Every structure is written in C-alpha cells, then in structure tokens.
Amino acid sequence: MTAFDSESAALEQRALAAYETDRYDEAIDLFESARAATDDPLKSAELANSLSVTLLKHGRNGEALEVVRGTAQVFREAGDYGRQARATGNLAAALEACGELDGAEAAYREAADLFQRTGDDEERMLTLNALSQLQLRQRRPFDAAATLQAGVPIGRAAGFRARLIQFLLRIPSRLLRS
C-alpha cells in the first residue's frame, strides 16, 4: 500500500466514524478528501457511493445524484457485479430523492436483477422493498404487492416466515380473481 493509498484509507475510516455518529458535514468533507487521495478508480467509485449516501442523509439530493452517476459503470467494466448492484441501488435512491421516479424504478429493478445474479437474496429483497415503497407512493398497490412477492424467497429452502409472507401476498390477487 502506497502512502497515497494509506492516507485515503485513513480518511475513509474517519469519514465512516463521522457518518456513524451522524456528523454528516464532517463525513462529507472526509469522503471527498479520501476520493482526492486515491488514484484507484474502483476505490474512487466506492468512495463516491459512500459520499452519495451521506449527501442523501444530509438532504443534499442533487449533489448525491451527481456524485453517484457513472459509478455503476466503473464496477461493471471491472466485472464487480456486487458493487455494481450497490451502486445501481444508490443511484435509484438518489433518483427517487430527486423526484425522477421512472428512472428510480428502472434502477431499482436493475439493482435487484444484479443482486439476484450475485446470489445476494437479502440485498435483493431490500431493493425490491424499496421499489415496492416507491410504487405505493405512486398509488400502485397491486404493483407494490407483486414486487414484494417477487422479493420473498420461495420454495422449500425458504423459512416459515418467507412462506407466510408469500401466502399473505397472494391473498389480494386471489380476491381479484373471485
């Protein structure tokens, strides 16, 4: 690890500590400094995602969107589908916060597909839950129910809770058919 990388890592750790204690202004400054202190494009994209999440928490939605744009592409080109999925989910959240709901919906779907590809069922379910919440705010309850149902693991490998949720989510569609 070079001195340059070491400095970036130290700044990142301080930024994460500030974020965890809700000191968002400080975290923003530290994430920006950490990005400036690295010459690794993957690390820079990762730090941009952390910065974007922090900016969203601070209510600086437009800045969050600008920072996160393009980071998923960096990870895709590197073949890192896990980080691409997270970056796409962060893009979706920023688009939603900026009122770009069609773009947010498409990005949530893409992120969920990427999480499925990587086998990360928990993150996929959380992403589909965020999409479902967006659909509910758009007054699309049946789409939201279908999205939630798609996010719940199915089959014998699914636990009791997952099977119960699947059953409950099927009730509205059964009522519509009767």
Protein backbone atom coordinates (compact mmCIF):
# COMPACT_ATOMS: atom_id res chain seq x y z
CA MET A 1 0.00 0.00 0.00
CA THR A 2 1.41 3.35 -1.03
CA ALA A 3 1.41 6.39 1.22
CA PHE A 4 -1.24 7.81 -1.09
CA ASP A 5 -3.50 4.78 -0.55
CA SER A 6 -2.76 4.74 3.16
CA GLU A 7 -3.86 8.36 3.50
CA SER A 8 -7.07 7.63 1.59
CA ALA A 9 -7.83 4.61 3.80
CA ALA A 10 -7.28 6.64 6.98
CA LEU A 11 -9.56 9.40 5.71
CA GLU A 12 -12.20 6.83 4.78
CA GLN A 13 -12.13 5.33 8.28
CA ARG A 14 -12.57 8.78 9.82
CA ALA A 15 -15.42 9.50 7.37
CA LEU A 16 -17.18 6.27 8.31
CA ALA A 17 -16.82 7.09 12.01
CA ALA A 18 -18.29 10.55 11.43
CA TYR A 19 -21.15 9.07 9.40
CA GLU A 20 -21.96 6.53 12.12
CA THR A 21 -22.31 9.35 14.67
CA ASP A 22 -24.49 11.49 12.35
CA ARG A 23 -21.78 14.10 11.76
CA TYR A 24 -22.66 14.34 8.08
CA ASP A 25 -20.85 17.60 7.24
CA GLU A 26 -17.62 16.15 8.56
CA ALA A 27 -18.21 12.81 6.83
CA ILE A 28 -18.86 14.56 3.52
CA ASP A 29 -15.59 16.51 3.76
CA LEU A 30 -13.66 13.37 4.70
CA PHE A 31 -15.15 11.22 1.93
CA GLU A 32 -14.31 13.97 -0.58
CA SER A 33 -10.74 14.14 0.75
CA ALA A 34 -10.41 10.35 0.62
CA ARG A 35 -11.55 10.36 -3.02
CA ALA A 36 -8.99 13.03 -3.84
CA ALA A 37 -6.27 10.98 -2.09
CA THR A 38 -6.67 7.84 -4.20
CA ASP A 39 -5.66 7.09 -7.75
CA ASP A 40 -7.54 3.76 -7.82
CA PRO A 41 -10.69 4.18 -9.96
CA LEU A 42 -12.54 1.37 -8.13
CA LYS A 43 -11.77 2.87 -4.73
CA SER A 44 -12.78 6.30 -6.00
CA ALA A 45 -16.12 4.91 -7.22
CA GLU A 46 -16.65 3.13 -3.89
CA LEU A 47 -15.94 6.36 -2.01
CA ALA A 48 -18.31 8.22 -4.36
CA ASN A 49 -21.06 5.82 -3.36
CA SER A 50 -20.38 6.37 0.33
CA LEU A 51 -20.34 10.11 -0.29
CA SER A 52 -23.64 9.89 -2.17
CA VAL A 53 -25.33 8.02 0.68
CA THR A 54 -24.04 10.64 3.13
CA LEU A 55 -25.23 13.50 0.95
CA LEU A 56 -28.70 11.90 0.80
CA LYS A 57 -28.76 11.61 4.59
CA HIS A 58 -27.87 15.30 4.75
CA GLY A 59 -30.67 16.23 2.33
CA ARG A 60 -28.35 17.27 -0.49
CA ASN A 61 -30.13 15.14 -3.07
CA GLY A 62 -28.95 16.79 -6.28
CA GLU A 63 -25.33 16.55 -5.21
CA ALA A 64 -25.83 12.91 -4.22
CA LEU A 65 -27.17 12.13 -7.68
CA GLU A 66 -24.28 13.84 -9.44
CA VAL A 67 -21.69 12.02 -7.31
CA VAL A 68 -23.16 8.54 -7.83
CA ARG A 69 -23.79 8.81 -11.59
CA GLY A 70 -21.37 6.65 -13.50
CA THR A 71 -20.07 4.62 -10.57
CA ALA A 72 -22.05 1.51 -11.53
CA GLN A 73 -20.38 1.65 -14.95
CA VAL A 74 -16.93 1.63 -13.32
CA PHE A 75 -17.81 -1.53 -11.40
CA ARG A 76 -19.45 -3.15 -14.44
CA GLU A 77 -16.31 -2.61 -16.51
CA ALA A 78 -14.28 -4.22 -13.70
CA GLY A 79 -16.67 -7.20 -13.58
CA ASP A 80 -17.57 -6.44 -9.94
CA TYR A 81 -21.30 -7.14 -10.05
CA GLY A 82 -21.79 -6.90 -6.28
CA ARG A 83 -20.53 -3.33 -6.11
CA GLN A 84 -22.30 -2.56 -9.40
CA ALA A 85 -25.56 -3.68 -7.78
CA ARG A 86 -24.97 -1.49 -4.71
CA ALA A 87 -24.03 1.49 -6.90
CA THR A 88 -27.16 1.00 -9.00
CA GLY A 89 -29.26 0.84 -5.83
CA ASN A 90 -27.63 4.05 -4.59
CA LEU A 91 -28.37 5.66 -7.96
CA ALA A 92 -32.00 4.57 -7.62
CA ALA A 93 -32.26 6.13 -4.16
CA ALA A 94 -30.75 9.40 -5.41
CA LEU A 95 -33.06 9.47 -8.45
CA GLU A 96 -36.04 8.86 -6.18
CA ALA A 97 -34.96 11.63 -3.81
CA CYS A 98 -34.68 13.99 -6.78
CA GLY A 99 -38.17 13.09 -7.99
CA GLU A 100 -37.01 11.16 -11.07
CA LEU A 101 -39.36 8.28 -10.30
CA ASP A 102 -39.30 6.45 -13.65
CA GLY A 103 -35.50 6.40 -13.58
CA ALA A 104 -35.54 5.30 -9.94
CA GLU A 105 -37.89 2.42 -10.70
CA ALA A 106 -35.71 1.22 -13.58
CA ALA A 107 -32.56 1.48 -11.44
CA TYR A 108 -34.16 -0.42 -8.53
CA ARG A 109 -35.15 -3.21 -10.95
CA GLU A 110 -31.64 -3.34 -12.41
CA ALA A 111 -30.10 -3.45 -8.94
CA ALA A 112 -32.45 -6.26 -7.90
CA ASP A 113 -31.50 -8.24 -11.02
CA LEU A 114 -27.81 -7.74 -10.26
CA PHE A 115 -28.27 -8.84 -6.66
CA GLN A 116 -30.05 -11.95 -7.93
CA ARG A 117 -27.15 -12.60 -10.29
CA THR A 118 -24.68 -12.38 -7.39
CA GLY A 119 -26.88 -14.56 -5.16
CA ASP A 120 -27.37 -11.83 -2.55
CA ASP A 121 -31.01 -12.59 -1.68
CA GLU A 122 -31.08 -10.28 1.34
CA GLU A 123 -29.95 -7.20 -0.61
CA ARG A 124 -32.28 -8.16 -3.47
CA MET A 125 -35.20 -8.32 -1.05
CA LEU A 126 -34.27 -4.93 0.47
CA THR A 127 -34.03 -3.41 -3.02
CA LEU A 128 -37.40 -4.81 -4.05
CA ASN A 129 -38.85 -3.49 -0.80
CA ALA A 130 -37.58 0.00 -1.69
CA LEU A 131 -39.13 -0.37 -5.16
CA SER A 132 -42.38 -1.52 -3.58
CA GLN A 133 -42.42 1.54 -1.30
CA LEU A 134 -41.91 3.75 -4.35
CA GLN A 135 -44.84 2.04 -6.10
CA LEU A 136 -47.04 2.55 -3.03
CA ARG A 137 -46.22 6.28 -3.00
CA GLN A 138 -47.27 6.33 -6.66
CA ARG A 139 -50.61 4.77 -5.64
CA ARG A 140 -49.86 1.46 -7.36
CA PRO A 141 -50.69 -1.02 -4.60
CA PHE A 142 -51.01 -4.09 -6.82
CA ASP A 143 -47.64 -3.44 -8.44
CA ALA A 144 -46.19 -2.96 -4.96
CA ALA A 145 -47.65 -6.27 -3.77
CA ALA A 146 -46.31 -8.09 -6.82
CA THR A 147 -42.88 -6.54 -6.31
CA LEU A 148 -42.85 -7.58 -2.66
CA GLN A 149 -43.93 -11.07 -3.60
CA ALA A 150 -41.09 -11.30 -6.13
CA GLY A 151 -38.61 -10.40 -3.41
CA VAL A 152 -39.57 -13.11 -0.96
CA PRO A 153 -37.57 -16.33 -1.30
CA ILE A 154 -39.70 -19.24 -2.45
CA GLY A 155 -39.56 -22.98 -2.29
CA ARG A 156 -38.77 -25.45 0.44
CA ALA A 157 -35.49 -23.71 1.22
CA ALA A 158 -37.42 -20.62 2.31
CA GLY A 159 -38.11 -20.37 6.01
CA PHE A 160 -41.52 -20.33 7.67
CA ARG A 161 -41.58 -16.52 7.73
CA ALA A 162 -40.86 -16.28 3.99
CA ARG A 163 -43.55 -18.83 3.15
CA LEU A 164 -46.05 -16.97 5.37
CA ILE A 165 -45.26 -13.69 3.61
CA GLN A 166 -45.68 -15.40 0.23
CA PHE A 167 -49.08 -16.71 1.30
CA LEU A 168 -50.25 -13.33 2.59
CA LEU A 169 -49.09 -11.55 -0.55
CA ARG A 170 -51.14 -13.91 -2.73
CA ILE A 171 -54.40 -13.03 -0.98
CA PRO A 172 -55.10 -9.79 -2.93
CA SER A 173 -54.64 -11.49 -6.31
CA ARG A 174 -56.92 -14.36 -5.23
CA LEU A 175 -59.58 -11.86 -4.18
CA LEU A 176 -59.37 -10.10 -7.53
CA ARG A 177 -59.90 -13.35 -9.40
CA SER A 178 -63.01 -14.30 -7.45
